Amino acid sequence: MLAQGNPAMTKANRVMDIFYLDEQERKRYEAAWEYESDRLSMISESERKGLERGAHQKALETAKILKQFGDSIAKIAQATGLSQEEVEAIN
């Protein structure tokens, strides 16, 4: 009853349940835990890469507009974080 209202006790009970697993059950638990941890890491990495690609695409779009306004390559590169070569390559 005490564990229901107390998150610390609920977690402690879960840890104790794992502690009392037999060796085969513990190995299955550890394998499942490792799998889930790897899966979450892959999802997180994919999200990070997607955000980076989106940010880079936005910088390219901004650079294109600034270039159309006639701003200098150096100024556009500084404002967008792109290299001068990337800015020069924008049509």
PDB file of N, CA and C in Angstrom:
ATOM      1  N   MET A   1       0.815  -1.194   0.000  1.00  0.00           N
ATOM      2  CA  MET A   1       0.000   0.000   0.000  1.00  0.00           C
ATOM      3  C   MET A   1       0.863   1.265   0.000  1.00  0.00           C
ATOM      4  N   LEU A   2       1.925   1.299   0.758  1.00  0.00           N
ATOM      5  CA  LEU A   2       2.761   2.482   0.832  1.00  0.00           C
ATOM      6  C   LEU A   2       3.409   2.807  -0.504  1.00  0.00           C
ATOM      7  N   ALA A   3       3.714   1.795  -1.304  1.00  0.00           N
ATOM      8  CA  ALA A   3       4.409   2.016  -2.563  1.00  0.00           C
ATOM      9  C   ALA A   3       3.543   2.746  -3.581  1.00  0.00           C
ATOM     10  N   GLN A   4       2.232   2.635  -3.475  1.00  0.00           N
ATOM     11  CA  GLN A   4       1.354   3.258  -4.452  1.00  0.00           C
ATOM     12  C   GLN A   4       1.486   4.773  -4.461  1.00  0.00           C
ATOM     13  N   GLY A   5       1.618   5.392  -3.348  1.00  0.00           N
ATOM     14  CA  GLY A   5       1.669   6.847  -3.273  1.00  0.00           C
ATOM     15  C   GLY A   5       3.077   7.408  -3.252  1.00  0.00           C
ATOM     16  N   ASN A   6       4.062   6.565  -3.169  1.00  0.00           N
ATOM     17  CA  ASN A   6       5.438   7.024  -3.030  1.00  0.00           C
ATOM     18  C   ASN A   6       6.273   6.524  -4.212  1.00  0.00           C
ATOM     19  N   PRO A   7       6.628   7.416  -5.141  1.00  0.00           N
ATOM     20  CA  PRO A   7       7.395   6.997  -6.316  1.00  0.00           C
ATOM     21  C   PRO A   7       8.731   6.348  -5.965  1.00  0.00           C
ATOM     22  N   ALA A   8       9.374   6.808  -4.901  1.00  0.00           N
ATOM     23  CA  ALA A   8      10.651   6.225  -4.506  1.00  0.00           C
ATOM     24  C   ALA A   8      10.476   4.771  -4.067  1.00  0.00           C
ATOM     25  N   MET A   9       9.406   4.512  -3.342  1.00  0.00           N
ATOM     26  CA  MET A   9       9.141   3.137  -2.900  1.00  0.00           C
ATOM     27  C   MET A   9       8.764   2.243  -4.081  1.00  0.00           C
ATOM     28  N   THR A  10       8.009   2.783  -5.031  1.00  0.00           N
ATOM     29  CA  THR A  10       7.632   2.013  -6.217  1.00  0.00           C
ATOM     30  C   THR A  10       8.890   1.597  -6.976  1.00  0.00           C
ATOM     31  N   LYS A  11       9.814   2.543  -7.164  1.00  0.00           N
ATOM     32  CA  LYS A  11      11.072   2.246  -7.859  1.00  0.00           C
ATOM     33  C   LYS A  11      11.892   1.229  -7.064  1.00  0.00           C
ATOM     34  N   ALA A  12      11.959   1.400  -5.764  1.00  0.00           N
ATOM     35  CA  ALA A  12      12.714   0.458  -4.921  1.00  0.00           C
ATOM     36  C   ALA A  12      12.128  -0.946  -5.022  1.00  0.00           C
ATOM     37  N   ASN A  13      10.811  -1.039  -5.046  1.00  0.00           N
ATOM     38  CA  ASN A  13      10.175  -2.354  -5.184  1.00  0.00           C
ATOM     39  C   ASN A  13      10.512  -2.991  -6.520  1.00  0.00           C
ATOM     40  N   ARG A  14      10.532  -2.182  -7.596  1.00  0.00           N
ATOM     41  CA  ARG A  14      10.892  -2.720  -8.914  1.00  0.00           C
ATOM     42  C   ARG A  14      12.333  -3.221  -8.916  1.00  0.00           C
ATOM     43  N   VAL A  15      13.229  -2.466  -8.298  1.00  0.00           N
ATOM     44  CA  VAL A  15      14.632  -2.877  -8.218  1.00  0.00           C
ATOM     45  C   VAL A  15      14.753  -4.183  -7.441  1.00  0.00           C
ATOM     46  N   MET A  16      14.025  -4.296  -6.359  1.00  0.00           N
ATOM     47  CA  MET A  16      14.073  -5.531  -5.558  1.00  0.00           C
ATOM     48  C   MET A  16      13.492  -6.704  -6.348  1.00  0.00           C
ATOM     49  N   ASP A  17      12.433  -6.473  -7.119  1.00  0.00           N
ATOM     50  CA  ASP A  17      11.872  -7.542  -7.956  1.00  0.00           C
ATOM     51  C   ASP A  17      12.928  -8.069  -8.920  1.00  0.00           C
ATOM     52  N   ILE A  18      13.706  -7.160  -9.497  1.00  0.00           N
ATOM     53  CA  ILE A  18      14.772  -7.565 -10.421  1.00  0.00           C
ATOM     54  C   ILE A  18      15.858  -8.328  -9.675  1.00  0.00           C
ATOM     55  N   PHE A  19      16.184  -7.851  -8.487  1.00  0.00           N
ATOM     56  CA  PHE A  19      17.214  -8.486  -7.670  1.00  0.00           C
ATOM     57  C   PHE A  19      16.877  -9.946  -7.387  1.00  0.00           C
ATOM     58  N   TYR A  20      15.594 -10.242  -7.213  1.00  0.00           N
ATOM     59  CA  TYR A  20      15.187 -11.597  -6.855  1.00  0.00           C
ATOM     60  C   TYR A  20      14.883 -12.488  -8.057  1.00  0.00           C
ATOM     61  N   LEU A  21      15.119 -12.009  -9.271  1.00  0.00           N
ATOM     62  CA  LEU A  21      14.935 -12.864 -10.444  1.00  0.00           C
ATOM     63  C   LEU A  21      15.987 -13.968 -10.442  1.00  0.00           C
ATOM     64  N   ASP A  22      15.640 -15.132 -11.017  1.00  0.00           N
ATOM     65  CA  ASP A  22      16.672 -16.145 -11.150  1.00  0.00           C
ATOM     66  C   ASP A  22      17.599 -15.734 -12.296  1.00  0.00           C
ATOM     67  N   GLU A  23      18.696 -16.456 -12.474  1.00  0.00           N
ATOM     68  CA  GLU A  23      19.735 -16.054 -13.425  1.00  0.00           C
ATOM     69  C   GLU A  23      19.201 -15.931 -14.851  1.00  0.00           C
ATOM     70  N   GLN A  24      18.393 -16.881 -15.273  1.00  0.00           N
ATOM     71  CA  GLN A  24      17.852 -16.856 -16.633  1.00  0.00           C
ATOM     72  C   GLN A  24      16.905 -15.658 -16.822  1.00  0.00           C
ATOM     73  N   GLU A  25      16.053 -15.414 -15.853  1.00  0.00           N
ATOM     74  CA  GLU A  25      15.144 -14.265 -15.938  1.00  0.00           C
ATOM     75  C   GLU A  25      15.916 -12.947 -15.935  1.00  0.00           C
ATOM     76  N   ARG A  26      16.983 -12.885 -15.115  1.00  0.00           N
ATOM     77  CA  ARG A  26      17.795 -11.668 -15.045  1.00  0.00           C
ATOM     78  C   ARG A  26      18.488 -11.411 -16.386  1.00  0.00           C
ATOM     79  N   LYS A  27      18.985 -12.474 -17.033  1.00  0.00           N
ATOM     80  CA  LYS A  27      19.624 -12.311 -18.342  1.00  0.00           C
ATOM     81  C   LYS A  27      18.624 -11.811 -19.377  1.00  0.00           C
ATOM     82  N   ARG A  28      17.388 -12.345 -19.347  1.00  0.00           N
ATOM     83  CA  ARG A  28      16.353 -11.867 -20.262  1.00  0.00           C
ATOM     84  C   ARG A  28      16.025 -10.409 -19.985  1.00  0.00           C
ATOM     85  N   TYR A  29      15.941 -10.053 -18.716  1.00  0.00           N
ATOM     86  CA  TYR A  29      15.664  -8.670 -18.339  1.00  0.00           C
ATOM     87  C   TYR A  29      16.785  -7.752 -18.830  1.00  0.00           C
ATOM     88  N   GLU A  30      18.037  -8.139 -18.596  1.00  0.00           N
ATOM     89  CA  GLU A  30      19.173  -7.319 -19.012  1.00  0.00           C
ATOM     90  C   GLU A  30      19.228  -7.182 -20.526  1.00  0.00           C
ATOM     91  N   ALA A  31      18.919  -8.258 -21.259  1.00  0.00           N
ATOM     92  CA  ALA A  31      18.898  -8.200 -22.717  1.00  0.00           C
ATOM     93  C   ALA A  31      17.803  -7.253 -23.197  1.00  0.00           C
ATOM     94  N   ALA A  32      16.640  -7.327 -22.585  1.00  0.00           N
ATOM     95  CA  ALA A  32      15.535  -6.438 -22.953  1.00  0.00           C
ATOM     96  C   ALA A  32      15.895  -4.986 -22.635  1.00  0.00           C
ATOM     97  N   TRP A  33      16.519  -4.780 -21.484  1.00  0.00           N
ATOM     98  CA  TRP A  33      16.934  -3.430 -21.081  1.00  0.00           C
ATOM     99  C   TRP A  33      17.955  -2.862 -22.064  1.00  0.00           C
ATOM    100  N   GLU A  34      18.933  -3.682 -22.451  1.00  0.00           N
ATOM    101  CA  GLU A  34      19.960  -3.249 -23.401  1.00  0.00           C
ATOM    102  C   GLU A  34      19.333  -2.933 -24.761  1.00  0.00           C
ATOM    103  N   TYR A  35      18.416  -3.796 -25.214  1.00  0.00           N
ATOM    104  CA  TYR A  35      17.737  -3.571 -26.479  1.00  0.00           C
ATOM    105  C   TYR A  35      16.979  -2.240 -26.451  1.00  0.00           C
ATOM    106  N   GLU A  36      16.238  -2.004 -25.398  1.00  0.00           N
ATOM    107  CA  GLU A  36      15.445  -0.776 -25.290  1.00  0.00           C
ATOM    108  C   GLU A  36      16.346   0.445 -25.214  1.00  0.00           C
ATOM    109  N   SER A  37      17.442   0.332 -24.485  1.00  0.00           N
ATOM    110  CA  SER A  37      18.390   1.430 -24.381  1.00  0.00           C
ATOM    111  C   SER A  37      18.989   1.754 -25.751  1.00  0.00           C
ATOM    112  N   ASP A  38      19.390   0.726 -26.492  1.00  0.00           N
ATOM    113  CA  ASP A  38      19.932   0.922 -27.841  1.00  0.00           C
ATOM    114  C   ASP A  38      18.897   1.543 -28.766  1.00  0.00           C
ATOM    115  N   ARG A  39      17.660   1.076 -28.665  1.00  0.00           N
ATOM    116  CA  ARG A  39      16.586   1.582 -29.515  1.00  0.00           C
ATOM    117  C   ARG A  39      16.350   3.072 -29.249  1.00  0.00           C
ATOM    118  N   LEU A  40      16.318   3.440 -27.990  1.00  0.00           N
ATOM    119  CA  LEU A  40      16.113   4.846 -27.641  1.00  0.00           C
ATOM    120  C   LEU A  40      17.291   5.709 -28.085  1.00  0.00           C
ATOM    121  N   SER A  41      18.506   5.171 -27.998  1.00  0.00           N
ATOM    122  CA  SER A  41      19.683   5.903 -28.459  1.00  0.00           C
ATOM    123  C   SER A  41      19.611   6.145 -29.965  1.00  0.00           C
ATOM    124  N   MET A  42      19.187   5.131 -30.713  1.00  0.00           N
ATOM    125  CA  MET A  42      19.077   5.274 -32.167  1.00  0.00           C
ATOM    126  C   MET A  42      18.014   6.306 -32.528  1.00  0.00           C
ATOM    127  N   ILE A  43      16.893   6.284 -31.824  1.00  0.00           N
ATOM    128  CA  ILE A  43      15.836   7.267 -32.076  1.00  0.00           C
ATOM    129  C   ILE A  43      16.353   8.675 -31.779  1.00  0.00           C
ATOM    130  N   SER A  44      17.023   8.828 -30.661  1.00  0.00           N
ATOM    131  CA  SER A  44      17.559  10.129 -30.277  1.00  0.00           C
ATOM    132  C   SER A  44      18.568  10.631 -31.311  1.00  0.00           C
ATOM    133  N   GLU A  45      19.435   9.757 -31.772  1.00  0.00           N
ATOM    134  CA  GLU A  45      20.433  10.133 -32.777  1.00  0.00           C
ATOM    135  C   GLU A  45      19.757  10.517 -34.089  1.00  0.00           C
ATOM    136  N   SER A  46      18.726   9.793 -34.474  1.00  0.00           N
ATOM    137  CA  SER A  46      17.998  10.118 -35.704  1.00  0.00           C
ATOM    138  C   SER A  46      17.330  11.482 -35.590  1.00  0.00           C
ATOM    139  N   GLU A  47      16.740  11.759 -34.446  1.00  0.00           N
ATOM    140  CA  GLU A  47      16.113  13.066 -34.223  1.00  0.00           C
ATOM    141  C   GLU A  47      17.145  14.180 -34.286  1.00  0.00           C
ATOM    142  N   ARG A  48      18.308  13.962 -33.675  1.00  0.00           N
ATOM    143  CA  ARG A  48      19.378  14.968 -33.682  1.00  0.00           C
ATOM    144  C   ARG A  48      19.836  15.252 -35.099  1.00  0.00           C
ATOM    145  N   LYS A  49      20.045  14.188 -35.891  1.00  0.00           N
ATOM    146  CA  LYS A  49      20.481  14.370 -37.275  1.00  0.00           C
ATOM    147  C   LYS A  49      19.417  15.090 -38.090  1.00  0.00           C
ATOM    148  N   GLY A  50      18.159  14.760 -37.865  1.00  0.00           N
ATOM    149  CA  GLY A  50      17.077  15.429 -38.570  1.00  0.00           C
ATOM    150  C   GLY A  50      17.028  16.911 -38.254  1.00  0.00           C
ATOM    151  N   LEU A  51      17.212  17.250 -36.980  1.00  0.00           N
ATOM    152  CA  LEU A  51      17.221  18.654 -36.578  1.00  0.00           C
ATOM    153  C   LEU A  51      18.403  19.391 -37.200  1.00  0.00           C
ATOM    154  N   GLU A  52      19.564  18.733 -37.242  1.00  0.00           N
ATOM    155  CA  GLU A  52      20.738  19.351 -37.863  1.00  0.00           C
ATOM    156  C   GLU A  52      20.495  19.606 -39.348  1.00  0.00           C
ATOM    157  N   ARG A  53      19.920  18.609 -40.041  1.00  0.00           N
ATOM    158  CA  ARG A  53      19.629  18.785 -41.464  1.00  0.00           C
ATOM    159  C   ARG A  53      18.635  19.913 -41.680  1.00  0.00           C
ATOM    160  N   GLY A  54      17.626  19.984 -40.829  1.00  0.00           N
ATOM    161  CA  GLY A  54      16.642  21.056 -40.937  1.00  0.00           C
ATOM    162  C   GLY A  54      17.261  22.426 -40.705  1.00  0.00           C
ATOM    163  N   ALA A  55      18.137  22.511 -39.723  1.00  0.00           N
ATOM    164  CA  ALA A  55      18.803  23.782 -39.418  1.00  0.00           C
ATOM    165  C   ALA A  55      19.708  24.189 -40.576  1.00  0.00           C
ATOM    166  N   HIS A  56      20.402  23.219 -41.156  1.00  0.00           N
ATOM    167  CA  HIS A  56      21.287  23.513 -42.286  1.00  0.00           C
ATOM    168  C   HIS A  56      20.469  23.976 -43.489  1.00  0.00           C
ATOM    169  N   GLN A  57      19.349  23.309 -43.743  1.00  0.00           N
ATOM    170  CA  GLN A  57      18.473  23.694 -44.854  1.00  0.00           C
ATOM    171  C   GLN A  57      17.954  25.116 -44.647  1.00  0.00           C
ATOM    172  N   LYS A  58      17.573  25.436 -43.433  1.00  0.00           N
ATOM    173  CA  LYS A  58      17.081  26.788 -43.130  1.00  0.00           C
ATOM    174  C   LYS A  58      18.188  27.818 -43.340  1.00  0.00           C
ATOM    175  N   ALA A  59      19.415  27.495 -42.945  1.00  0.00           N
ATOM    176  CA  ALA A  59      20.541  28.407 -43.151  1.00  0.00           C
ATOM    177  C   ALA A  59      20.770  28.637 -44.641  1.00  0.00           C
ATOM    178  N   LEU A  60      20.646  27.579 -45.447  1.00  0.00           N
ATOM    179  CA  LEU A  60      20.806  27.726 -46.901  1.00  0.00           C
ATOM    180  C   LEU A  60      19.719  28.636 -47.479  1.00  0.00           C
ATOM    181  N   GLU A  61      18.488  28.445 -47.029  1.00  0.00           N
ATOM    182  CA  GLU A  61      17.381  29.275 -47.514  1.00  0.00           C
ATOM    183  C   GLU A  61      17.590  30.740 -47.126  1.00  0.00           C
ATOM    184  N   THR A  62      18.029  30.974 -45.906  1.00  0.00           N
ATOM    185  CA  THR A  62      18.292  32.340 -45.450  1.00  0.00           C
ATOM    186  C   THR A  62      19.427  32.954 -46.259  1.00  0.00           C
ATOM    187  N   ALA A  63      20.473  32.178 -46.487  1.00  0.00           N
ATOM    188  CA  ALA A  63      21.613  32.669 -47.264  1.00  0.00           C
ATOM    189  C   ALA A  63      21.186  33.038 -48.683  1.00  0.00           C
ATOM    190  N   LYS A  64      20.324  32.244 -49.261  1.00  0.00           N
ATOM    191  CA  LYS A  64      19.847  32.529 -50.628  1.00  0.00           C
ATOM    192  C   LYS A  64      19.127  33.878 -50.665  1.00  0.00           C
ATOM    193  N   ILE A  65      18.280  34.124 -49.676  1.00  0.00           N
ATOM    194  CA  ILE A  65      17.558  35.391 -49.617  1.00  0.00           C
ATOM    195  C   ILE A  65      18.525  36.558 -49.419  1.00  0.00           C
ATOM    196  N   LEU A  66      19.466  36.391 -48.480  1.00  0.00           N
ATOM    197  CA  LEU A  66      20.438  37.467 -48.226  1.00  0.00           C
ATOM    198  C   LEU A  66      21.288  37.731 -49.456  1.00  0.00           C
ATOM    199  N   LYS A  67      21.612  36.684 -50.184  1.00  0.00           N
ATOM    200  CA  LYS A  67      22.398  36.831 -51.408  1.00  0.00           C
ATOM    201  C   LYS A  67      21.598  37.614 -52.447  1.00  0.00           C
ATOM    202  N   GLN A  68      20.288  37.338 -52.534  1.00  0.00           N
ATOM    203  CA  GLN A  68      19.422  38.077 -53.460  1.00  0.00           C
ATOM    204  C   GLN A  68      19.330  39.552 -53.072  1.00  0.00           C
ATOM    205  N   PHE A  69      19.450  39.853 -51.782  1.00  0.00           N
ATOM    206  CA  PHE A  69      19.440  41.242 -51.311  1.00  0.00           C
ATOM    207  C   PHE A  69      20.771  41.942 -51.578  1.00  0.00           C
ATOM    208  N   GLY A  70      21.783  41.175 -52.003  1.00  0.00           N
ATOM    209  CA  GLY A  70      23.070  41.756 -52.333  1.00  0.00           C
ATOM    210  C   GLY A  70      24.057  41.823 -51.192  1.00  0.00           C
ATOM    211  N   ASP A  71      23.789  41.129 -50.098  1.00  0.00           N
ATOM    212  CA  ASP A  71      24.747  41.126 -48.982  1.00  0.00           C
ATOM    213  C   ASP A  71      26.030  40.411 -49.404  1.00  0.00           C
ATOM    214  N   SER A  72      27.130  40.750 -48.749  1.00  0.00           N
ATOM    215  CA  SER A  72      28.413  40.141 -49.088  1.00  0.00           C
ATOM    216  C   SER A  72      28.460  38.671 -48.639  1.00  0.00           C
ATOM    217  N   ILE A  73      29.298  37.905 -49.327  1.00  0.00           N
ATOM    218  CA  ILE A  73      29.478  36.485 -49.005  1.00  0.00           C
ATOM    219  C   ILE A  73      29.935  36.338 -47.556  1.00  0.00           C
ATOM    220  N   ALA A  74      30.898  37.161 -47.146  1.00  0.00           N
ATOM    221  CA  ALA A  74      31.430  37.071 -45.779  1.00  0.00           C
ATOM    222  C   ALA A  74      30.348  37.362 -44.746  1.00  0.00           C
ATOM    223  N   LYS A  75      29.535  38.378 -45.028  1.00  0.00           N
ATOM    224  CA  LYS A  75      28.460  38.753 -44.095  1.00  0.00           C
ATOM    225  C   LYS A  75      27.410  37.641 -44.014  1.00  0.00           C
ATOM    226  N   ILE A  76      27.056  37.056 -45.154  1.00  0.00           N
ATOM    227  CA  ILE A  76      26.064  35.967 -45.176  1.00  0.00           C
ATOM    228  C   ILE A  76      26.600  34.751 -44.414  1.00  0.00           C
ATOM    229  N   ALA A  77      27.864  34.428 -44.647  1.00  0.00           N
ATOM    230  CA  ALA A  77      28.470  33.282 -43.959  1.00  0.00           C
ATOM    231  C   ALA A  77      28.459  33.499 -42.453  1.00  0.00           C
ATOM    232  N   GLN A  78      28.787  34.703 -42.035  1.00  0.00           N
ATOM    233  CA  GLN A  78      28.799  35.016 -40.604  1.00  0.00           C
ATOM    234  C   GLN A  78      27.394  34.943 -40.017  1.00  0.00           C
ATOM    235  N   ALA A  79      26.406  35.440 -40.757  1.00  0.00           N
ATOM    236  CA  ALA A  79      25.039  35.481 -40.248  1.00  0.00           C
ATOM    237  C   ALA A  79      24.399  34.101 -40.180  1.00  0.00           C
ATOM    238  N   THR A  80      24.761  33.214 -41.120  1.00  0.00           N
ATOM    239  CA  THR A  80      24.100  31.907 -41.206  1.00  0.00           C
ATOM    240  C   THR A  80      24.896  30.761 -40.602  1.00  0.00           C
ATOM    241  N   GLY A  81      26.184  30.978 -40.401  1.00  0.00           N
ATOM    242  CA  GLY A  81      27.031  29.888 -39.907  1.00  0.00           C
ATOM    243  C   GLY A  81      27.510  28.966 -41.015  1.00  0.00           C
ATOM    244  N   LEU A  82      27.183  29.281 -42.264  1.00  0.00           N
ATOM    245  CA  LEU A  82      27.653  28.491 -43.399  1.00  0.00           C
ATOM    246  C   LEU A  82      29.074  28.916 -43.744  1.00  0.00           C
ATOM    247  N   SER A  83      29.768  28.059 -44.466  1.00  0.00           N
ATOM    248  CA  SER A  83      31.096  28.446 -44.940  1.00  0.00           C
ATOM    249  C   SER A  83      30.934  29.378 -46.137  1.00  0.00           C
ATOM    250  N   GLN A  84      31.977  30.140 -46.428  1.00  0.00           N
ATOM    251  CA  GLN A  84      31.916  31.028 -47.584  1.00  0.00           C
ATOM    252  C   GLN A  84      31.741  30.224 -48.874  1.00  0.00           C
ATOM    253  N   GLU A  85      32.336  29.035 -48.919  1.00  0.00           N
ATOM    254  CA  GLU A  85      32.200  28.179 -50.096  1.00  0.00           C
ATOM    255  C   GLU A  85      30.746  27.758 -50.298  1.00  0.00           C
ATOM    256  N   GLU A  86      30.072  27.417 -49.193  1.00  0.00           N
ATOM    257  CA  GLU A  86      28.656  27.034 -49.295  1.00  0.00           C
ATOM    258  C   GLU A  86      27.812  28.206 -49.799  1.00  0.00           C
ATOM    259  N   VAL A  87      28.106  29.395 -49.295  1.00  0.00           N
ATOM    260  CA  VAL A  87      27.343  30.578 -49.701  1.00  0.00           C
ATOM    261  C   VAL A  87      27.605  30.873 -51.177  1.00  0.00           C
ATOM    262  N   GLU A  88      28.852  30.781 -51.595  1.00  0.00           N
ATOM    263  CA  GLU A  88      29.204  31.044 -52.998  1.00  0.00           C
ATOM    264  C   GLU A  88      28.502  30.061 -53.938  1.00  0.00           C
ATOM    265  N   ALA A  89      28.268  28.823 -53.487  1.00  0.00           N
ATOM    266  CA  ALA A  89      27.678  27.788 -54.340  1.00  0.00           C
ATOM    267  C   ALA A  89      26.168  27.960 -54.502  1.00  0.00           C
ATOM    268  N   ILE A  90      25.557  28.822 -53.722  1.00  0.00           N
ATOM    269  CA  ILE A  90      24.103  29.021 -53.796  1.00  0.00           C
ATOM    270  C   ILE A  90      23.783  29.811 -55.050  1.00  0.00           C
ATOM    271  N   ASN A  91      22.813  29.324 -55.810  1.00  0.00           N
ATOM    272  CA  ASN A  91      22.373  30.017 -57.043  1.00  0.00           C
ATOM    273  C   ASN A  91      21.275  30.988 -56.735  1.00  0.00           C
TER     274      ASN A  91
END
